[in-house]
N, C-alpha and C. Protein backbone atom coordinates (compact mmCIF):
# COMPACT_ATOMS: atom_id res chain seq x y z
N MET A 1 -16.97 -103.67 34.33
CA MET A 1 -16.25 -102.84 35.27
C MET A 1 -15.77 -103.73 36.39
N ALA A 2 -14.48 -103.66 36.74
CA ALA A 2 -13.89 -104.51 37.75
C ALA A 2 -14.45 -104.19 39.13
N ASP A 3 -14.65 -102.91 39.43
CA ASP A 3 -15.18 -102.50 40.72
C ASP A 3 -16.70 -102.50 40.65
N LYS A 4 -17.33 -103.39 41.41
CA LYS A 4 -18.79 -103.52 41.36
C LYS A 4 -19.50 -102.49 42.22
N GLU A 5 -18.77 -101.84 43.13
CA GLU A 5 -19.40 -100.83 43.97
C GLU A 5 -19.77 -99.63 43.10
N LYS A 6 -20.97 -99.16 43.25
CA LYS A 6 -21.42 -98.02 42.46
C LYS A 6 -21.54 -96.80 43.37
N LYS A 7 -21.14 -95.67 42.87
CA LYS A 7 -21.27 -94.40 43.57
C LYS A 7 -22.39 -93.61 42.91
N GLN A 8 -23.17 -92.95 43.70
CA GLN A 8 -24.21 -92.09 43.15
C GLN A 8 -23.65 -90.69 42.98
N VAL A 9 -23.92 -90.11 41.82
CA VAL A 9 -23.42 -88.79 41.50
C VAL A 9 -24.58 -87.94 41.00
N PRO A 10 -24.88 -86.86 41.70
CA PRO A 10 -25.92 -85.96 41.18
C PRO A 10 -25.41 -85.30 39.90
N LEU A 11 -26.25 -85.23 38.92
CA LEU A 11 -25.83 -84.71 37.63
C LEU A 11 -26.92 -83.81 37.07
N ARG A 12 -26.52 -82.62 36.67
CA ARG A 12 -27.47 -81.70 36.06
C ARG A 12 -27.11 -81.57 34.59
N LEU A 13 -28.11 -81.72 33.75
CA LEU A 13 -27.92 -81.63 32.31
C LEU A 13 -28.91 -80.64 31.74
N SER A 14 -28.53 -79.98 30.66
CA SER A 14 -29.49 -79.14 29.97
C SER A 14 -30.56 -80.05 29.37
N LYS A 15 -31.73 -79.52 29.13
CA LYS A 15 -32.80 -80.31 28.56
C LYS A 15 -32.40 -80.87 27.21
N SER A 16 -31.72 -80.06 26.40
CA SER A 16 -31.34 -80.53 25.07
C SER A 16 -30.33 -81.69 25.15
N LEU A 17 -29.35 -81.59 26.05
CA LEU A 17 -28.39 -82.68 26.21
C LEU A 17 -29.09 -83.93 26.75
N TYR A 18 -29.96 -83.74 27.72
CA TYR A 18 -30.72 -84.86 28.27
C TYR A 18 -31.50 -85.56 27.16
N ASP A 19 -32.20 -84.79 26.35
CA ASP A 19 -33.00 -85.37 25.26
C ASP A 19 -32.13 -86.13 24.27
N GLU A 20 -30.97 -85.57 23.92
CA GLU A 20 -30.04 -86.24 23.00
C GLU A 20 -29.54 -87.55 23.58
N LEU A 21 -29.13 -87.52 24.86
CA LEU A 21 -28.64 -88.74 25.51
C LEU A 21 -29.74 -89.79 25.66
N ALA A 22 -30.94 -89.33 25.98
CA ALA A 22 -32.06 -90.27 26.13
C ALA A 22 -32.37 -90.96 24.80
N GLN A 23 -32.33 -90.21 23.72
CA GLN A 23 -32.58 -90.80 22.40
C GLN A 23 -31.47 -91.77 22.02
N TRP A 24 -30.24 -91.38 22.28
CA TRP A 24 -29.09 -92.22 22.00
C TRP A 24 -29.19 -93.52 22.81
N ALA A 25 -29.55 -93.40 24.08
CA ALA A 25 -29.70 -94.59 24.93
C ALA A 25 -30.78 -95.51 24.37
N GLU A 26 -31.88 -94.94 23.95
CA GLU A 26 -32.96 -95.74 23.36
C GLU A 26 -32.48 -96.44 22.10
N ASP A 27 -31.75 -95.72 21.26
CA ASP A 27 -31.21 -96.30 20.03
C ASP A 27 -30.28 -97.48 20.32
N ASP A 28 -29.53 -97.39 21.43
CA ASP A 28 -28.57 -98.43 21.80
C ASP A 28 -29.15 -99.46 22.77
N PHE A 29 -30.47 -99.37 23.03
CA PHE A 29 -31.16 -100.30 23.93
C PHE A 29 -30.54 -100.29 25.33
N ARG A 30 -30.26 -99.08 25.82
CA ARG A 30 -29.73 -98.90 27.18
C ARG A 30 -30.62 -97.94 27.94
N SER A 31 -30.52 -97.99 29.26
CA SER A 31 -31.14 -96.96 30.08
C SER A 31 -30.31 -95.69 29.93
N LEU A 32 -30.89 -94.58 30.29
CA LEU A 32 -30.13 -93.32 30.23
C LEU A 32 -28.91 -93.41 31.14
N ASN A 33 -29.09 -93.92 32.35
CA ASN A 33 -27.97 -94.08 33.27
C ASN A 33 -26.90 -95.00 32.67
N GLY A 34 -27.33 -96.10 32.09
CA GLY A 34 -26.40 -97.04 31.46
C GLY A 34 -25.65 -96.40 30.31
N GLN A 35 -26.33 -95.56 29.55
CA GLN A 35 -25.69 -94.89 28.42
C GLN A 35 -24.63 -93.91 28.90
N ILE A 36 -24.95 -93.15 29.92
CA ILE A 36 -23.99 -92.19 30.47
C ILE A 36 -22.78 -92.92 31.03
N GLU A 37 -23.01 -94.02 31.76
CA GLU A 37 -21.90 -94.80 32.30
C GLU A 37 -21.05 -95.39 31.16
N TYR A 38 -21.70 -95.90 30.13
CA TYR A 38 -20.98 -96.45 28.97
C TYR A 38 -20.10 -95.38 28.32
N LEU A 39 -20.68 -94.21 28.07
CA LEU A 39 -19.92 -93.14 27.41
C LEU A 39 -18.74 -92.67 28.25
N LEU A 40 -18.95 -92.52 29.55
CA LEU A 40 -17.86 -92.11 30.43
C LEU A 40 -16.77 -93.18 30.47
N THR A 41 -17.15 -94.45 30.52
CA THR A 41 -16.19 -95.55 30.52
C THR A 41 -15.35 -95.53 29.25
N GLU A 42 -16.01 -95.33 28.09
CA GLU A 42 -15.28 -95.27 26.82
C GLU A 42 -14.32 -94.09 26.79
N CYS A 43 -14.74 -92.95 27.31
CA CYS A 43 -13.86 -91.77 27.34
C CYS A 43 -12.64 -92.01 28.22
N VAL A 44 -12.84 -92.66 29.36
CA VAL A 44 -11.71 -92.96 30.25
C VAL A 44 -10.75 -93.93 29.57
N LYS A 45 -11.28 -94.95 28.91
CA LYS A 45 -10.41 -95.90 28.18
C LYS A 45 -9.60 -95.18 27.12
N LYS A 46 -10.25 -94.30 26.37
CA LYS A 46 -9.57 -93.56 25.31
C LYS A 46 -8.49 -92.66 25.90
N ARG A 47 -8.81 -92.01 27.01
CA ARG A 47 -7.85 -91.13 27.66
C ARG A 47 -6.62 -91.92 28.11
N LYS A 48 -6.85 -93.09 28.72
CA LYS A 48 -5.73 -93.92 29.16
C LYS A 48 -4.88 -94.37 27.98
N LYS A 49 -5.54 -94.76 26.90
CA LYS A 49 -4.83 -95.20 25.71
C LYS A 49 -3.98 -94.05 25.15
N ASN A 50 -4.57 -92.86 25.08
CA ASN A 50 -3.85 -91.69 24.58
C ASN A 50 -2.70 -91.30 25.50
N LYS A 51 -2.90 -91.47 26.82
CA LYS A 51 -1.86 -91.14 27.78
C LYS A 51 -0.66 -92.05 27.58
N VAL A 52 -0.91 -93.35 27.38
CA VAL A 52 0.18 -94.30 27.14
C VAL A 52 0.91 -93.91 25.87
N ARG A 53 0.17 -93.55 24.83
CA ARG A 53 0.79 -93.15 23.56
C ARG A 53 1.61 -91.88 23.75
N ARG A 54 1.05 -90.90 24.45
CA ARG A 54 1.78 -89.64 24.68
C ARG A 54 3.06 -89.89 25.46
N GLU A 55 2.97 -90.76 26.49
CA GLU A 55 4.16 -91.04 27.28
C GLU A 55 5.22 -91.75 26.45
N SER A 56 4.81 -92.63 25.58
CA SER A 56 5.78 -93.35 24.76
C SER A 56 6.38 -92.44 23.69
N GLU A 57 5.65 -91.43 23.28
CA GLU A 57 6.14 -90.49 22.26
C GLU A 57 6.68 -89.22 22.89
N ASP A 58 6.55 -89.11 24.22
CA ASP A 58 6.97 -87.92 24.95
C ASP A 58 6.27 -86.68 24.41
N VAL A 59 4.96 -86.79 24.20
CA VAL A 59 4.14 -85.68 23.73
C VAL A 59 3.46 -85.05 24.94
N PRO A 60 3.56 -83.74 25.13
CA PRO A 60 2.91 -83.10 26.29
C PRO A 60 1.40 -83.22 26.20
N ASP A 61 0.76 -83.32 27.37
CA ASP A 61 -0.70 -83.38 27.37
C ASP A 61 -1.28 -81.98 27.19
N ALA A 62 -2.59 -81.87 27.13
CA ALA A 62 -3.25 -80.58 26.85
C ALA A 62 -2.89 -79.54 27.90
N PHE A 63 -2.77 -79.93 29.16
CA PHE A 63 -2.42 -78.99 30.21
C PHE A 63 -1.06 -78.37 29.95
N GLU A 64 -0.11 -79.20 29.59
CA GLU A 64 1.24 -78.70 29.32
C GLU A 64 1.31 -77.87 28.05
N ARG A 65 0.35 -78.09 27.13
CA ARG A 65 0.33 -77.33 25.88
C ARG A 65 -0.46 -76.04 26.03
N GLY A 66 -0.98 -75.78 27.22
CA GLY A 66 -1.74 -74.56 27.42
C GLY A 66 -3.24 -74.79 27.35
N GLY A 67 -3.71 -76.01 27.58
CA GLY A 67 -5.14 -76.29 27.66
C GLY A 67 -5.86 -76.34 26.34
N GLU A 68 -5.22 -76.82 25.30
CA GLU A 68 -5.86 -76.90 23.98
C GLU A 68 -7.15 -77.64 24.04
């Protein structure tokens, strides 16, 4: 991550989601916090990539399509 400053964000998760993420983090040899940050980073990268593709193809985003 280019920006080294970290922001603290309170996060509430259901027990089942917490348990799934904790197991996934353990499987990937990450802390739970590290796993959540990794997953969010990957989602943002994917969103940016899709946005570039949509703009180049002139495809409306989900908001313009009615929130699909």
